[in-house]
């Protein structure tokens, strides 16, 4: 029997003031009627649900409009259920003030066509705000808690002077940071310690960040910068980028025995993940490619953050001794999101901590795929994701004895 929302994919943009109970009502109404609630806005999205019309100018809403995805308020779901049909989106459509004026003047006649499947979204650097790194009014970004996920190094030569351009994207792993993505741009000549350009852009939206990165790379090509595989000069690029690149440049790549160790570590981590969840290969977006050494994960950070949010609520529920029904509801949400093999009979703070570790593992997998440009994950990408350098210690040396003693302990 065909259900009301069969084949329809919804993305929700819930405001902070939208209660957990209301979120659950919307989610349950979609799922019980055969719909899909996603957290990634893409070409498969049919509707963007907005809980607060004032957020219509957010980047996600603007992206939806550009893709031709209708932006509707959450009442759309309940009106469809009430009338037992998918109503015209225009009845619940949320329109920005600028678009209202354009409609009144007759400048907008129809929704923009959707972006074709293979078309890459780019944002020109001139359309977003970049801050000088020495600007005292620049927004804070927690660099020590961040992790590199994308980068590009360019070179060009003019009048026998070589210059270098470095573009890098980092994500802050702290959940409470509202602008947890940063793009850093450095440029200068190879012989001078002075940076001709030293600026950054911050965003709370991964799609906006990736689109801006693509725009910067596109602009570099137009300005005759050439992609480089060399290590940039010491004064250009972040310390983390230099540490990462120096660990796997062609002349310093790890040998086969080190890669075998990384393989063993990765297999153990993947085993932990596969033992806890039931649908890792397709429905959980974990795709095994080529062979067991080439996992590729496309789960979004937004989905992981939602799971972590549920865990924090569970922890608070234990600490405040909330009614058992509240914990049961949160536990059901956790089982659904993580597709757990077994539902815990009792949730303790220790169990919550183990789930938080599982979320961190998934985050690391995401970072590995980002570092590898979305391609099947390579041994080098896995090695890079460890964030450290592995090498041999000579047997019989004092360092060897110290490492051996720690292992035995």
Protein backbone atom coordinates (compact mmCIF):
# COMPACT_ATOMS: atom_id res chain seq x y z
CA UNK A 1 0.00 0.00 0.00
CA UNK A 2 1.40 3.37 -1.03
CA UNK A 3 1.96 5.78 1.85
CA UNK A 4 1.44 9.54 1.79
CA UNK A 5 5.11 10.58 1.68
CA UNK A 6 6.51 7.56 -0.19
CA UNK A 7 9.66 8.54 -2.08
CA UNK A 8 9.73 12.08 -0.63
CA UNK A 9 12.86 13.35 1.15
CA UNK A 10 12.65 16.17 3.67
CA UNK A 11 15.42 18.24 5.22
CA UNK A 12 14.58 20.05 8.46
CA UNK A 13 15.99 23.39 9.59
CA UNK A 14 14.88 23.49 13.21
CA UNK A 15 15.40 26.65 15.24
CA UNK A 16 17.01 26.43 18.70
CA UNK A 17 13.66 27.45 20.22
CA UNK A 18 11.86 24.53 18.58
CA UNK A 19 11.38 22.02 21.39
CA UNK A 20 12.58 18.43 21.29
CA UNK A 21 8.96 17.25 21.61
CA UNK A 22 7.92 19.21 18.50
CA UNK A 23 10.93 17.94 16.56
CA UNK A 24 9.94 14.39 17.44
CA UNK A 25 6.34 15.01 16.34
CA UNK A 26 7.50 16.27 12.94
CA UNK A 27 10.01 13.46 12.50
CA UNK A 28 7.53 10.75 13.51
CA UNK A 29 4.84 12.20 11.22
CA UNK A 30 7.23 12.02 8.23
CA UNK A 31 8.59 8.54 8.94
CA UNK A 32 5.20 6.97 9.81
CA UNK A 33 3.88 8.18 6.46
CA UNK A 34 6.75 6.70 4.46
CA UNK A 35 8.88 9.84 4.09
CA UNK A 36 12.63 10.23 4.60
CA UNK A 37 14.07 12.82 6.98
CA UNK A 38 17.62 13.71 5.95
CA UNK A 39 20.15 16.20 7.26
CA UNK A 40 21.90 16.84 3.96
CA UNK A 41 20.48 19.24 1.41
CA UNK A 42 21.18 17.78 -2.03
CA UNK A 43 19.60 17.01 -5.41
CA UNK A 44 17.42 14.31 -3.81
CA UNK A 45 15.75 16.77 -1.41
CA UNK A 46 12.07 17.45 -2.14
CA UNK A 47 11.24 19.94 0.65
CA UNK A 48 13.12 22.01 3.23
CA UNK A 49 11.09 22.34 6.44
CA UNK A 50 11.58 25.58 8.38
CA UNK A 51 10.43 25.97 11.99
CA UNK A 52 11.21 29.71 12.19
CA UNK A 53 10.32 31.86 9.14
CA UNK A 54 12.87 34.47 10.26
CA UNK A 55 15.63 32.01 9.29
CA UNK A 56 14.67 32.19 5.62
CA UNK A 57 17.85 34.16 4.88
CA UNK A 58 20.10 31.38 6.27
CA UNK A 59 22.61 29.81 3.91
CA UNK A 60 20.75 26.49 3.86
CA UNK A 61 17.52 28.23 2.84
CA UNK A 62 19.29 30.23 0.16
CA UNK A 63 20.88 27.02 -1.13
CA UNK A 64 17.49 25.31 -1.23
CA UNK A 65 15.98 28.17 -3.23
CA UNK A 66 18.91 28.10 -5.67
CA UNK A 67 18.46 24.35 -6.11
CA UNK A 68 14.73 24.78 -6.71
CA UNK A 69 13.77 23.06 -3.45
CA UNK A 70 10.57 24.49 -1.90
CA UNK A 71 11.08 26.02 1.57
CA UNK A 72 7.94 25.38 3.63
CA UNK A 73 6.98 25.75 7.28
CA UNK A 74 6.52 22.62 9.40
CA UNK A 75 2.72 22.95 9.19
CA UNK A 76 3.06 21.60 5.66
CA UNK A 77 3.50 18.08 7.07
CA UNK A 78 0.41 18.16 9.25
CA UNK A 79 -1.78 19.79 6.57
CA UNK A 80 -0.81 17.05 4.13
CA UNK A 81 -1.75 14.40 6.71
CA UNK A 82 -5.00 16.19 7.52
CA UNK A 83 -6.03 16.32 3.85
CA UNK A 84 -4.56 12.88 3.02
CA UNK A 85 -2.61 14.28 0.06
CA UNK A 86 0.61 16.15 -0.66
CA UNK A 87 -0.69 19.70 -0.93
CA UNK A 88 0.70 22.46 -3.14
CA UNK A 89 3.91 23.71 -1.47
CA UNK A 90 2.91 27.31 -2.17
CA UNK A 91 0.22 27.07 0.52
CA UNK A 92 2.93 26.77 3.20
CA UNK A 93 5.86 28.35 1.37
CA UNK A 94 8.18 30.65 3.31
CA UNK A 95 9.36 33.58 1.21
CA UNK A 96 12.11 36.08 2.08
CA UNK A 97 11.35 39.81 2.21
CA UNK A 98 13.54 40.45 -0.84
CA UNK A 99 11.67 37.79 -2.84
CA UNK A 100 8.30 39.17 -1.70
CA UNK A 101 9.25 42.56 -3.15
CA UNK A 102 10.51 40.90 -6.33
CA UNK A 103 7.24 38.98 -6.69
CA UNK A 104 5.28 42.20 -6.22
CA UNK A 105 7.30 43.84 -8.98
CA UNK A 106 6.89 40.84 -11.25
CA UNK A 107 10.62 40.03 -11.35
CA UNK A 108 10.20 36.44 -10.20
CA UNK A 109 7.79 34.29 -12.11
CA UNK A 110 8.76 30.74 -11.22
CA UNK A 111 11.04 28.65 -9.03
CA UNK A 112 14.59 28.26 -10.29
CA UNK A 113 15.42 25.00 -11.96
CA UNK A 114 17.29 22.45 -9.89
CA UNK A 115 21.03 22.12 -10.30
CA UNK A 116 21.98 19.14 -12.43
CA UNK A 117 23.33 16.11 -10.62
CA UNK A 118 26.98 16.54 -11.60
CA UNK A 119 27.15 20.30 -11.35
CA UNK A 120 29.46 21.51 -8.60
CA UNK A 121 28.31 24.32 -6.34
CA UNK A 122 30.77 27.20 -6.05
CA UNK A 123 30.70 30.48 -4.16
CA UNK A 124 32.90 33.32 -5.39
CA UNK A 125 35.25 34.59 -2.65
CA UNK A 126 33.98 38.13 -3.27
CA UNK A 127 30.53 37.05 -2.07
CA UNK A 128 31.59 36.05 1.45
CA UNK A 129 33.34 37.81 4.33
CA UNK A 130 37.07 37.17 4.80
CA UNK A 131 38.89 38.41 7.91
CA UNK A 132 42.53 39.43 8.22
CA UNK A 133 44.21 37.17 10.78
CA UNK A 134 45.48 40.17 12.75
CA UNK A 135 42.02 41.80 12.91
CA UNK A 136 41.06 42.13 16.58
CA UNK A 137 37.37 41.99 15.63
CA UNK A 138 37.75 38.73 13.72
CA UNK A 139 35.62 35.80 14.98
CA UNK A 140 37.27 33.21 17.20
CA UNK A 141 38.18 29.80 15.81
CA UNK A 142 39.51 27.09 18.14
CA UNK A 143 42.50 25.98 16.07
CA UNK A 144 44.01 23.54 18.63
CA UNK A 145 40.72 21.59 18.64
CA UNK A 146 40.41 21.61 14.83
CA UNK A 147 41.28 19.07 12.17
CA UNK A 148 42.32 19.64 8.55
CA UNK A 149 39.92 18.14 6.00
CA UNK A 150 40.84 19.81 2.67
CA UNK A 151 43.75 21.78 1.28
CA UNK A 152 45.28 22.98 -1.97
CA UNK A 153 48.78 24.32 -2.69
CA UNK A 154 49.49 26.41 -5.81
CA UNK A 155 52.64 27.90 -7.38
CA UNK A 156 53.42 30.41 -10.10
CA UNK A 157 56.50 32.26 -11.33
CA UNK A 158 56.78 35.86 -12.49
CA UNK A 159 60.03 37.67 -13.37
CA UNK A 160 62.03 34.72 -11.99
CA UNK A 161 60.28 35.07 -8.60
CA UNK A 162 58.35 32.05 -7.35
CA UNK A 163 55.17 32.57 -5.33
CA UNK A 164 52.98 30.17 -3.42
CA UNK A 165 49.27 30.14 -2.53
CA UNK A 166 47.87 27.87 0.21
CA UNK A 167 44.15 27.24 0.80
CA UNK A 168 43.11 24.97 3.66
CA UNK A 169 39.86 23.94 5.32
CA UNK A 170 39.64 22.91 8.96
CA UNK A 171 36.73 21.78 11.10
CA UNK A 172 36.55 22.34 14.85
CA UNK A 173 35.56 19.18 16.69
CA UNK A 174 33.85 21.08 19.52
CA UNK A 175 30.04 20.87 19.18
CA UNK A 176 29.32 24.16 20.92
CA UNK A 177 31.23 26.23 18.37
CA UNK A 178 28.58 27.86 16.10
CA UNK A 179 31.13 28.59 13.32
CA UNK A 180 33.07 25.37 13.27
CA UNK A 181 34.46 25.49 9.71
CA UNK A 182 37.36 27.71 8.64
CA UNK A 183 39.09 28.38 5.34
CA UNK A 184 42.59 29.86 5.70
CA UNK A 185 44.24 31.56 2.71
CA UNK A 186 47.96 32.42 2.65
CA UNK A 187 50.10 33.66 -0.22
CA UNK A 188 53.56 35.16 -0.68
CA UNK A 189 56.90 34.73 -2.38
CA UNK A 190 59.10 31.76 -1.57
CA UNK A 191 62.14 33.81 -0.52
CA UNK A 192 60.38 36.37 1.70
CA UNK A 193 58.98 35.69 5.18
CA UNK A 194 56.22 38.23 4.56
CA UNK A 195 52.72 37.03 3.70
CA UNK A 196 51.07 39.01 0.93
CA UNK A 197 47.70 37.54 1.89
CA UNK A 198 46.77 36.17 5.30
CA UNK A 199 43.02 35.91 5.78
CA UNK A 200 40.31 33.48 6.74
CA UNK A 201 36.61 32.75 6.39
CA UNK A 202 34.44 31.01 9.01
CA UNK A 203 31.06 29.32 8.65
CA UNK A 204 28.70 27.03 10.51
CA UNK A 205 27.62 25.33 7.28
CA UNK A 206 29.65 22.57 5.62
CA UNK A 207 28.04 23.08 2.20
CA UNK A 208 28.85 26.80 2.22
CA UNK A 209 32.44 26.02 3.24
CA UNK A 210 32.99 23.43 0.50
CA UNK A 211 31.39 25.73 -2.10
CA UNK A 212 33.64 28.63 -1.03
CA UNK A 213 36.71 26.37 -1.16
CA UNK A 214 35.71 25.36 -4.70
CA UNK A 215 35.32 29.04 -5.60
CA UNK A 216 38.78 29.87 -4.26
CA UNK A 217 40.35 27.01 -6.25
CA UNK A 218 38.48 28.11 -9.36
CA UNK A 219 39.72 31.69 -8.89
CA UNK A 220 43.30 30.44 -8.43
CA UNK A 221 43.10 28.67 -11.81
CA UNK A 222 41.78 31.79 -13.49
CA UNK A 223 44.69 33.75 -11.99
CA UNK A 224 47.20 31.31 -13.50
CA UNK A 225 48.18 29.53 -10.32
CA UNK A 226 49.34 25.95 -10.94
CA UNK A 227 48.51 23.07 -8.58
CA UNK A 228 51.59 21.90 -6.68
CA UNK A 229 52.51 18.72 -4.79
CA UNK A 230 55.48 20.34 -3.02
CA UNK A 231 55.63 21.41 0.60
CA UNK A 232 54.86 25.16 0.80
CA UNK A 233 57.42 27.58 2.30
CA UNK A 234 57.56 27.50 6.12
CA UNK A 235 55.87 30.91 6.47
CA UNK A 236 52.83 29.89 4.40
CA UNK A 237 50.17 27.49 5.60
CA UNK A 238 49.32 26.35 9.12
CA UNK A 239 51.56 24.31 11.38
CA UNK A 240 49.10 21.41 11.10
CA UNK A 241 49.27 21.46 7.31
CA UNK A 242 53.08 21.36 7.33
CA UNK A 243 53.09 18.51 9.84
CA UNK A 244 50.58 16.58 7.76
CA UNK A 245 52.22 17.13 4.37
CA UNK A 246 55.73 16.42 5.64
CA UNK A 247 54.52 13.06 6.96
CA UNK A 248 53.62 11.66 3.55
CA UNK A 249 55.40 13.59 0.81
CA UNK A 250 56.74 11.22 -1.85
CA UNK A 251 60.31 11.29 -0.50
CA UNK A 252 59.14 10.73 3.07
CA UNK A 253 56.25 8.30 2.62
CA UNK A 254 55.85 5.54 5.24
CA UNK A 255 57.19 2.12 4.30
CA UNK A 256 55.09 -1.01 3.85
CA UNK A 257 55.48 -2.26 7.43
CA UNK A 258 54.12 1.05 8.80
CA UNK A 259 51.17 0.89 6.40
CA UNK A 260 50.48 -2.68 7.57
CA UNK A 261 50.35 -1.42 11.16
CA UNK A 262 47.96 1.36 10.13
CA UNK A 263 45.87 -1.27 8.32
CA UNK A 264 45.65 -3.37 11.50
CA UNK A 265 44.67 -0.34 13.59
CA UNK A 266 42.02 0.64 11.06
CA UNK A 267 40.58 -2.86 10.83
CA UNK A 268 40.26 -2.96 14.63
CA UNK A 269 38.45 0.40 14.63
CA UNK A 270 36.14 -0.70 11.82
CA UNK A 271 35.44 -3.91 13.72
CA UNK A 272 34.29 -1.87 16.72
CA UNK A 273 31.91 0.07 14.49
CA UNK A 274 30.53 -2.97 12.66
CA UNK A 275 29.92 -4.82 15.93
CA UNK A 276 27.67 -2.03 17.20
CA UNK A 277 25.51 -1.17 14.19
CA UNK A 278 23.26 -3.26 11.95
CA UNK A 279 23.20 -1.50 8.57
CA UNK A 280 26.71 -0.24 7.84
CA UNK A 281 27.09 -0.93 4.12
CA UNK A 282 24.26 0.89 2.38
CA UNK A 283 21.65 2.39 4.68
CA UNK A 284 24.23 3.81 7.08
CA UNK A 285 26.27 5.23 4.18
CA UNK A 286 29.29 3.04 4.92
CA UNK A 287 30.39 1.60 1.63
CA UNK A 288 33.05 -1.09 1.36
CA UNK A 289 34.96 -0.34 -1.82
CA UNK A 290 37.42 -2.65 -3.66
CA UNK A 291 38.61 -4.52 -0.54
CA UNK A 292 38.65 -4.17 3.23
CA UNK A 293 41.45 -1.59 3.13
CA UNK A 294 39.34 0.94 1.22
CA UNK A 295 36.35 1.98 3.29
CA UNK A 296 34.53 5.13 2.22
CA UNK A 297 32.16 7.01 4.56
CA UNK A 298 29.74 9.70 3.44
CA UNK A 299 27.85 10.21 6.70
CA UNK A 300 27.66 13.93 7.49
CA UNK A 301 28.99 15.71 10.57
CA UNK A 302 25.45 17.09 11.04
CA UNK A 303 24.10 13.56 11.55
CA UNK A 304 26.85 12.75 14.04
CA UNK A 305 26.12 15.98 15.89
CA UNK A 306 22.45 15.03 16.20
CA UNK A 307 23.43 11.68 17.71
CA UNK A 308 25.81 13.46 20.11
CA UNK A 309 22.96 15.81 21.05
CA UNK A 310 20.80 12.81 21.96
CA UNK A 311 23.64 11.43 24.09
CA UNK A 312 24.00 14.74 25.95
CA UNK A 313 20.26 14.74 26.65
CA UNK A 314 20.52 11.17 27.95
CA UNK A 315 23.37 12.17 30.23
CA UNK A 316 21.36 15.13 31.53
CA UNK A 317 18.35 12.85 32.04
CA UNK A 318 20.42 10.55 34.28
CA UNK A 319 21.90 13.43 36.25
CA UNK A 320 18.53 15.15 36.82
CA UNK A 321 16.71 11.85 37.45
CA UNK A 322 14.12 12.53 34.78
CA UNK A 323 11.10 10.22 34.32
CA UNK A 324 11.93 6.80 32.78
CA UNK A 325 9.64 7.61 29.83
CA UNK A 326 11.96 10.46 28.77
CA UNK A 327 15.02 8.18 28.79
CA UNK A 328 13.09 5.50 26.87
CA UNK A 329 12.18 8.04 24.17
CA UNK A 330 15.80 9.23 23.86
CA UNK A 331 17.05 5.65 23.76
CA UNK A 332 14.66 4.80 20.93
CA UNK A 333 15.98 7.82 18.99
CA UNK A 334 19.56 6.66 19.56
CA UNK A 335 18.80 3.12 18.37
CA UNK A 336 17.15 4.52 15.24
CA UNK A 337 19.94 6.96 14.36
CA UNK A 338 22.83 4.57 15.02
CA UNK A 339 20.92 1.45 13.86
CA UNK A 340 22.24 -0.41 16.91
CA UNK A 341 22.38 -4.18 16.86
CA UNK A 342 21.12 -4.38 20.44
CA UNK A 343 19.10 -1.92 22.46
CA UNK A 344 20.78 -1.44 25.87
CA UNK A 345 18.55 -2.68 28.68
CA UNK A 346 19.89 0.02 30.98
CA UNK A 347 21.77 3.20 30.08
CA UNK A 348 24.61 4.30 32.34
CA UNK A 349 27.06 7.18 32.13
CA UNK A 350 29.73 4.63 31.16
CA UNK A 351 27.57 3.35 28.29
CA UNK A 352 26.96 6.93 27.10
CA UNK A 353 30.73 7.53 27.11
CA UNK A 354 31.22 4.46 24.89
CA UNK A 355 28.66 5.81 22.40
CA UNK A 356 30.45 9.18 22.41
CA UNK A 357 33.67 7.35 21.53
CA UNK A 358 31.81 5.66 18.69
CA UNK A 359 30.73 9.10 17.39
CA UNK A 360 34.35 10.24 17.49
CA UNK A 361 35.35 7.21 15.45
CA UNK A 362 32.74 8.09 12.82
CA UNK A 363 34.01 11.71 12.80
CA UNK A 364 37.53 10.42 12.14
CA UNK A 365 36.23 8.34 9.25
CA UNK A 366 34.58 11.43 7.78
CA UNK A 367 37.84 13.39 8.09
CA UNK A 368 39.72 10.59 6.31
CA UNK A 369 37.35 10.69 3.36
CA UNK A 370 37.55 14.51 3.23
CA UNK A 371 41.35 14.30 3.29
CA UNK A 372 41.20 11.89 0.37
CA UNK A 373 38.88 14.10 -1.69
CA UNK A 374 35.91 11.74 -1.44
CA UNK A 375 37.71 8.96 -3.32
CA UNK A 376 38.09 5.37 -2.02
CA UNK A 377 40.21 5.75 1.09
CA UNK A 378 43.91 5.11 0.48
CA UNK A 379 46.53 3.78 2.93
CA UNK A 380 48.16 7.23 2.94
CA UNK A 381 44.84 8.91 3.83
CA UNK A 382 44.40 6.53 6.77
CA UNK A 383 47.95 7.18 7.92
CA UNK A 384 47.43 10.94 7.63
CA UNK A 385 44.22 10.77 9.69
CA UNK A 386 46.17 9.49 12.70
CA UNK A 387 47.68 12.96 13.05
CA UNK A 388 51.11 11.60 14.02
CA UNK A 389 54.22 10.12 12.46
CA UNK A 390 55.10 6.46 12.79
CA UNK A 391 58.63 5.17 12.33
CA UNK A 392 60.95 2.34 13.34
CA UNK A 393 62.84 2.29 16.63
CA UNK A 394 66.16 0.46 16.57
CA UNK A 395 66.09 -2.73 18.63
CA UNK A 396 68.34 -2.46 21.68
CA UNK A 397 68.22 1.35 21.86
CA UNK A 398 67.07 3.15 25.02
CA UNK A 399 63.96 4.37 23.19
CA UNK A 400 63.18 0.78 22.14
CA UNK A 401 63.49 -0.42 25.75
CA UNK A 402 61.25 2.40 26.97
CA UNK A 403 58.54 1.61 24.41
CA UNK A 404 58.77 -2.12 25.22
CA UNK A 405 58.43 -1.42 28.94
CA UNK A 406 55.28 0.67 28.37
CA UNK A 407 53.75 -2.06 26.21
CA UNK A 408 54.43 -4.75 28.82
CA UNK A 409 52.89 -2.56 31.55
